[in-house]
Amino acid sequence: MSEESLVAILLTGFLEADLAPLSEAIRGMGREAIAGDPVNDTSPAFVLAAAYDETSLRGQRAGALEDPRPWAFCVPASERGLIASAAAAREGRLLLLPPEGRELKRLLVALGEDAKERGAGDVAFAGLERLEASFAWKTSEFDVSRVCRRLARLLAESGFYEDREGEDECALALEEALVNSIEHGNLALDSSLRPEGPLAEDLYEIERAKRMADPEYGGRLIRVRMAVVADEAVLTLADEGSGFDVSKVEMSPSGLEVSGKGFWLIKKPFDTMSYNEKGNSLTLTKRRPRPRPAPAEGSR
């Protein structure tokens, strides 16, 4: 599947109040948003389908079953029951309305990778026994969502995650860790700059853009090292920042906002997690799950 075909996104079933801002956000990310229906609009590479109640969600799920493209079900963030139903749907991914910019970008990257994988028709890294690879990017040129999705997909294909949920949690954890490396490490941003109210000026984003364009900050490197040996994968994520006090790391869910770092979220899909003494290098390990034993004959 060509890169050009992955640019167009089909939006179906949306109320105008949701369609207009979502289309604008998608166009702001360099994609084309096409409002239509999956039966007659077959050129877009994947589908965002709105559902405002259980009936419409069932209809969209039925449509996804008949369509070879990757889908995502978009439901209002205020509808908890509907969110649970959409999250459990195996026919597509989930996006809450209205979407946050980072969540929308993450979804589009994931759907793009899904589309490419469906076009490839196989699992390239099944049975992988050994891998050693090192990567480095300038901060200003680093596409964090795409890199994290590729790494998570590789681990999933290699058998370290058994389902889509595990792969998605891995991608989210890697992105959380690398965003920390970018923003609090190489760009040296202080979380106190974040606005306290919805109408407050976002000094954090203003300063982020300024430092990203400054070679002193944007030219710093993000390094990723990945090694697979037999049934263990080890990832090391490093930045060129000054680090932080690693004694403040809290691994429980209550640690999500410690210095802006979602430590618990990062650790969740991995078996171990550790920082170096300086606090600018993170090592994550994951062991390949053992195959589940087949049920004994006659045990059903």
Protein backbone atom coordinates (compact mmCIF):
# COMPACT_ATOMS: atom_id res chain seq x y z
CA MET A 1 0.00 0.00 0.00
CA SER A 2 1.47 3.37 -1.04
CA GLU A 3 2.13 6.25 1.34
CA GLU A 4 -0.23 8.40 -0.73
CA SER A 5 -3.18 6.07 -0.16
CA LEU A 6 -2.64 6.24 3.58
CA VAL A 7 -3.23 10.03 3.60
CA ALA A 8 -7.01 9.87 3.00
CA ILE A 9 -9.31 9.03 5.93
CA LEU A 10 -13.02 8.27 5.61
CA LEU A 11 -15.31 9.80 8.26
CA THR A 12 -18.74 8.22 8.52
CA GLY A 13 -21.76 8.63 10.80
CA PHE A 14 -20.63 11.89 12.45
CA LEU A 15 -22.87 14.70 13.62
CA GLU A 16 -21.88 18.02 12.05
CA ALA A 17 -20.80 19.34 15.46
CA ASP A 18 -18.15 16.60 15.61
CA LEU A 19 -17.40 16.28 11.90
CA ALA A 20 -16.18 19.84 11.31
CA PRO A 21 -13.58 20.08 14.12
CA LEU A 22 -12.38 16.50 13.55
CA SER A 23 -11.91 17.14 9.83
CA GLU A 24 -10.00 20.32 10.61
CA ALA A 25 -7.75 18.49 13.10
CA ILE A 26 -7.04 15.74 10.56
CA ARG A 27 -6.17 18.26 7.86
CA GLY A 28 -3.88 19.99 10.35
CA MET A 29 -1.92 16.72 10.54
CA GLY A 30 -1.41 16.65 6.80
CA ARG A 31 -4.17 14.12 6.06
CA GLU A 32 -7.27 14.35 3.90
CA ALA A 33 -10.63 13.92 5.67
CA ILE A 34 -13.44 12.59 3.45
CA ALA A 35 -17.02 12.48 4.75
CA GLY A 36 -18.98 9.63 3.21
CA ASP A 37 -19.98 6.01 3.59
CA PRO A 38 -17.75 2.90 3.46
CA VAL A 39 -19.78 1.20 0.72
CA ASN A 40 -19.40 3.97 -1.85
CA ASP A 41 -16.11 5.53 -0.71
CA THR A 42 -13.53 2.78 -1.04
CA SER A 43 -10.38 4.79 -1.79
CA PRO A 44 -9.46 6.01 1.74
CA ALA A 45 -7.11 3.60 3.48
CA PHE A 46 -9.02 3.48 6.76
CA VAL A 47 -12.29 4.49 8.41
CA LEU A 48 -13.28 6.57 11.43
CA ALA A 49 -16.88 5.67 12.28
CA ALA A 50 -18.97 7.61 14.81
CA ALA A 51 -21.39 5.87 17.16
CA TYR A 52 -23.68 7.78 19.52
CA ASP A 53 -25.60 4.86 20.98
CA GLU A 54 -25.46 1.05 21.16
CA THR A 55 -27.58 0.64 18.04
CA SER A 56 -25.32 2.76 15.86
CA LEU A 57 -22.25 1.05 17.33
CA ARG A 58 -23.62 -2.36 16.35
CA GLY A 59 -24.23 -1.05 12.85
CA GLN A 60 -20.69 0.29 12.56
CA ARG A 61 -19.23 -2.97 13.85
CA ALA A 62 -21.20 -4.86 11.22
CA GLY A 63 -19.83 -2.53 8.57
CA ALA A 64 -16.28 -3.09 9.77
CA LEU A 65 -16.71 -6.85 9.44
CA GLU A 66 -17.54 -6.43 5.76
CA ASP A 67 -14.76 -3.95 5.04
CA PRO A 68 -11.08 -4.96 4.60
CA ARG A 69 -9.74 -1.62 5.88
CA PRO A 70 -8.75 -0.82 9.48
CA TRP A 71 -11.53 0.95 11.43
CA ALA A 72 -11.81 3.04 14.58
CA PHE A 73 -15.04 3.61 16.49
CA CYS A 74 -15.46 7.20 17.71
CA VAL A 75 -17.75 7.62 20.70
CA PRO A 76 -18.54 10.54 23.05
CA ALA A 77 -16.23 10.71 26.07
CA SER A 78 -19.29 11.30 28.29
CA GLU A 79 -20.91 7.93 27.43
CA ARG A 80 -19.17 5.45 29.71
CA GLY A 81 -21.26 2.45 28.78
CA LEU A 82 -20.76 3.08 25.09
CA ILE A 83 -17.03 3.53 25.64
CA ALA A 84 -16.86 0.11 27.29
CA SER A 85 -18.70 -1.49 24.38
CA ALA A 86 -16.48 0.18 21.78
CA ALA A 87 -13.31 -0.72 23.70
CA ALA A 88 -14.37 -4.38 23.71
CA ALA A 89 -15.09 -4.39 19.96
CA ARG A 90 -12.51 -6.48 18.15
CA GLU A 91 -13.42 -5.04 14.75
CA GLY A 92 -11.70 -1.70 15.32
CA ARG A 93 -9.87 0.70 17.59
CA LEU A 94 -11.37 3.33 19.91
CA LEU A 95 -11.27 7.13 19.79
CA LEU A 96 -13.09 9.39 22.26
CA LEU A 97 -14.94 12.48 21.06
CA PRO A 98 -13.83 15.19 21.09
CA PRO A 99 -10.30 13.80 20.62
CA GLU A 100 -7.16 15.30 22.10
CA GLY A 101 -4.52 16.11 19.51
CA ARG A 102 -2.01 13.57 20.78
CA GLU A 103 -4.61 10.80 20.95
CA LEU A 104 -5.79 11.52 17.40
CA LYS A 105 -2.25 11.47 16.07
CA ARG A 106 -1.52 8.22 17.90
CA LEU A 107 -4.65 6.64 16.43
CA LEU A 108 -3.85 7.72 12.87
CA VAL A 109 -0.34 6.28 13.16
CA ALA A 110 -1.73 3.01 14.50
CA LEU A 111 -4.34 2.76 11.74
CA GLY A 112 -1.72 3.53 9.12
CA GLU A 113 0.46 0.72 10.42
CA ASP A 114 -2.56 -1.60 10.48
CA ALA A 115 -3.26 -0.76 6.83
CA LYS A 116 0.32 -1.48 5.83
CA GLU A 117 0.35 -4.77 7.72
CA ARG A 118 -2.89 -5.90 6.10
CA GLY A 119 -1.38 -5.12 2.73
CA ALA A 120 1.78 -7.07 3.58
CA GLY A 121 -0.28 -10.14 4.41
CA ASP A 122 2.21 -11.80 6.76
CA VAL A 123 3.98 -11.52 10.11
CA ALA A 124 7.58 -10.66 9.33
CA PHE A 125 9.13 -11.26 12.77
CA ALA A 126 7.38 -14.45 13.90
CA GLY A 127 9.89 -16.80 15.53
CA LEU A 128 12.54 -14.08 16.01
CA GLU A 129 15.34 -15.43 18.24
CA ARG A 130 17.97 -12.70 18.15
CA LEU A 131 18.08 -9.00 17.30
CA GLU A 132 20.43 -6.13 18.10
CA ALA A 133 19.67 -2.67 16.79
CA SER A 134 20.51 0.92 17.75
CA PHE A 135 18.82 4.09 16.51
CA ALA A 136 19.36 7.82 17.04
CA TRP A 137 17.29 10.82 15.95
CA LYS A 138 17.58 14.55 16.39
CA THR A 139 14.80 15.66 18.70
CA SER A 140 13.41 18.08 16.12
CA GLU A 141 13.13 15.28 13.50
CA PHE A 142 11.81 12.48 15.68
CA ASP A 143 8.34 11.09 14.80
CA VAL A 144 7.69 9.57 18.21
CA SER A 145 4.25 8.03 17.56
CA ARG A 146 5.34 6.24 14.39
CA VAL A 147 8.54 4.89 15.94
CA CYS A 148 6.72 3.61 19.02
CA ARG A 149 4.06 1.90 16.93
CA ARG A 150 6.73 0.18 14.80
CA LEU A 151 8.64 -1.04 17.86
CA ALA A 152 5.47 -2.33 19.51
CA ARG A 153 4.43 -4.09 16.31
CA LEU A 154 7.83 -5.77 16.06
CA LEU A 155 7.55 -7.04 19.64
CA ALA A 156 4.02 -8.27 19.02
CA GLU A 157 5.00 -10.08 15.84
CA SER A 158 7.90 -11.65 17.74
CA GLY A 159 5.47 -13.11 20.28
CA PHE A 160 6.07 -10.78 23.24
CA TYR A 161 2.44 -9.59 23.18
CA GLU A 162 -0.38 -11.98 22.45
CA ASP A 163 -3.12 -9.55 21.38
CA ARG A 164 -3.85 -6.04 20.12
CA GLU A 165 -4.40 -4.73 23.65
CA GLY A 166 -0.87 -5.68 24.71
CA GLU A 167 0.63 -4.16 21.58
CA ASP A 168 -1.30 -0.92 22.10
CA GLU A 169 -0.24 -0.70 25.75
CA CYS A 170 3.38 -1.19 24.67
CA ALA A 171 3.16 1.56 22.05
CA LEU A 172 1.51 3.92 24.55
CA ALA A 173 4.15 3.19 27.20
CA LEU A 174 7.04 3.77 24.80
CA GLU A 175 5.48 7.02 23.62
CA GLU A 176 4.96 8.23 27.19
CA ALA A 177 8.60 7.45 28.01
CA LEU A 178 10.00 9.05 24.85
CA VAL A 179 7.82 12.16 25.15
CA ASN A 180 9.30 12.52 28.64
CA SER A 181 12.80 12.16 27.15
CA ILE A 182 12.02 14.81 24.56
CA GLU A 183 10.18 17.36 26.68
CA HIS A 184 11.70 16.99 30.15
CA GLY A 185 15.06 15.70 28.92
CA ASN A 186 16.36 17.22 25.70
CA LEU A 187 14.08 20.28 25.67
CA ALA A 188 14.41 20.77 29.46
CA LEU A 189 10.81 21.95 29.79
CA ASP A 190 9.27 22.64 33.20
CA SER A 191 5.76 21.27 33.79
CA SER A 192 4.89 24.42 35.75
CA LEU A 193 4.54 26.19 32.38
CA ARG A 194 1.38 24.21 31.59
CA PRO A 195 -1.81 26.32 31.69
CA GLU A 196 -4.04 25.99 34.77
CA GLY A 197 -7.30 26.68 32.93
CA PRO A 198 -8.73 26.00 29.47
CA LEU A 199 -8.54 29.66 28.48
CA ALA A 200 -5.04 30.27 29.83
CA GLU A 201 -2.22 30.83 27.35
CA ASP A 202 -0.32 27.59 26.82
CA LEU A 203 3.19 28.80 27.67
CA TYR A 204 4.38 25.19 27.73
CA GLU A 205 3.55 24.61 24.05
CA ILE A 206 4.93 28.01 23.07
CA GLU A 207 8.24 27.27 24.78
CA ARG A 208 8.24 23.72 23.39
CA ALA A 209 7.98 25.00 19.81
CA LYS A 210 10.68 27.59 20.46
CA ARG A 211 13.15 25.06 21.85
CA MET A 212 12.36 22.48 19.19
CA ALA A 213 13.47 25.03 16.59
CA ASP A 214 16.63 25.91 18.56
CA PRO A 215 19.57 23.65 17.54
CA GLU A 216 20.89 23.78 21.10
CA TYR A 217 17.80 21.80 22.17
CA GLY A 218 16.27 20.40 18.98
CA GLY A 219 19.66 19.09 17.85
CA ARG A 220 20.05 16.87 20.91
CA LEU A 221 19.70 13.16 20.20
CA ILE A 222 17.16 10.59 21.28
CA ARG A 223 18.69 7.11 21.31
CA VAL A 224 16.87 3.79 21.26
CA ARG A 225 18.60 0.44 21.61
CA MET A 226 16.68 -2.82 21.19
CA ALA A 227 17.96 -6.32 21.83
CA VAL A 228 16.14 -9.64 21.64
CA VAL A 229 17.87 -12.77 22.90
CA ALA A 230 15.79 -15.94 23.00
CA ASP A 231 12.72 -15.13 25.14
CA GLU A 232 13.74 -11.70 26.48
CA ALA A 233 13.55 -8.26 24.86
CA VAL A 234 15.44 -5.28 26.28
CA LEU A 235 14.82 -1.68 25.19
CA THR A 236 16.96 1.24 26.32
CA LEU A 237 15.69 4.78 25.74
CA ALA A 238 18.16 7.62 26.35
CA ASP A 239 18.25 11.39 25.98
CA GLU A 240 20.95 14.05 26.35
CA GLY A 241 19.21 15.98 29.11
CA SER A 242 20.34 16.55 32.69
CA GLY A 243 18.15 13.76 34.07
CA PHE A 244 16.03 13.84 37.23
CA ASP A 245 15.89 12.49 40.77
CA VAL A 246 15.08 8.81 40.21
CA SER A 247 14.23 8.36 43.90
CA LYS A 248 10.92 10.12 43.15
CA VAL A 249 9.75 7.39 40.79
CA GLU A 250 6.42 5.98 41.98
CA MET A 251 5.27 2.78 40.25
CA SER A 252 1.65 2.78 41.44
CA PRO A 253 -1.19 4.43 39.48
CA SER A 254 -0.91 7.40 41.84
CA GLY A 255 2.49 8.14 40.29
CA LEU A 256 1.03 9.20 36.96
CA GLU A 257 1.71 12.87 37.55
CA VAL A 258 5.05 12.78 39.38
CA SER A 259 7.14 15.39 37.55
CA GLY A 260 4.90 14.87 34.54
CA LYS A 261 6.10 11.30 34.09
CA GLY A 262 3.58 8.46 33.85
CA PHE A 263 5.84 5.88 35.46
CA TRP A 264 3.07 3.40 36.17
CA LEU A 265 1.77 3.71 32.60
CA ILE A 266 5.27 3.05 31.24
CA LYS A 267 5.89 0.04 33.46
CA LYS A 268 2.50 -1.64 32.91
CA PRO A 269 3.23 -3.61 29.68
CA PHE A 270 6.80 -4.54 30.69
CA ASP A 271 8.25 -6.93 33.27
CA THR A 272 10.96 -4.61 34.61
CA MET A 273 11.76 -0.93 34.38
CA SER A 274 14.83 0.91 35.66
CA TYR A 275 16.56 4.28 35.20
CA ASN A 276 20.27 4.92 35.33
CA GLU A 277 21.60 6.94 38.26
CA LYS A 278 21.49 10.21 36.32
CA GLY A 279 17.89 9.67 35.20
CA ASN A 280 18.38 10.18 31.47
CA SER A 281 18.37 6.52 30.37
CA LEU A 282 15.50 4.07 30.85
CA THR A 283 15.76 0.29 30.43
CA LEU A 284 12.64 -1.82 29.88
CA THR A 285 12.53 -5.60 29.68
CA LYS A 286 9.83 -7.94 28.46
CA ARG A 287 9.80 -11.74 28.60
CA ARG A 288 8.00 -13.71 25.91
CA PRO A 289 4.91 -15.39 27.40
CA ARG A 290 5.02 -19.14 27.57
CA PRO A 291 2.54 -20.93 25.29
CA ARG A 292 -0.61 -21.93 27.09
CA PRO A 293 -0.81 -25.72 27.53
CA ALA A 294 -3.41 -27.44 25.39
CA PRO A 295 -6.44 -28.64 27.37
CA ALA A 296 -6.32 -32.31 28.28
CA GLU A 297 -8.42 -34.57 26.09
CA GLY A 298 -11.88 -35.02 27.52
CA SER A 299 -11.59 -31.97 29.82
CA ARG A 300 -14.19 -29.94 27.92
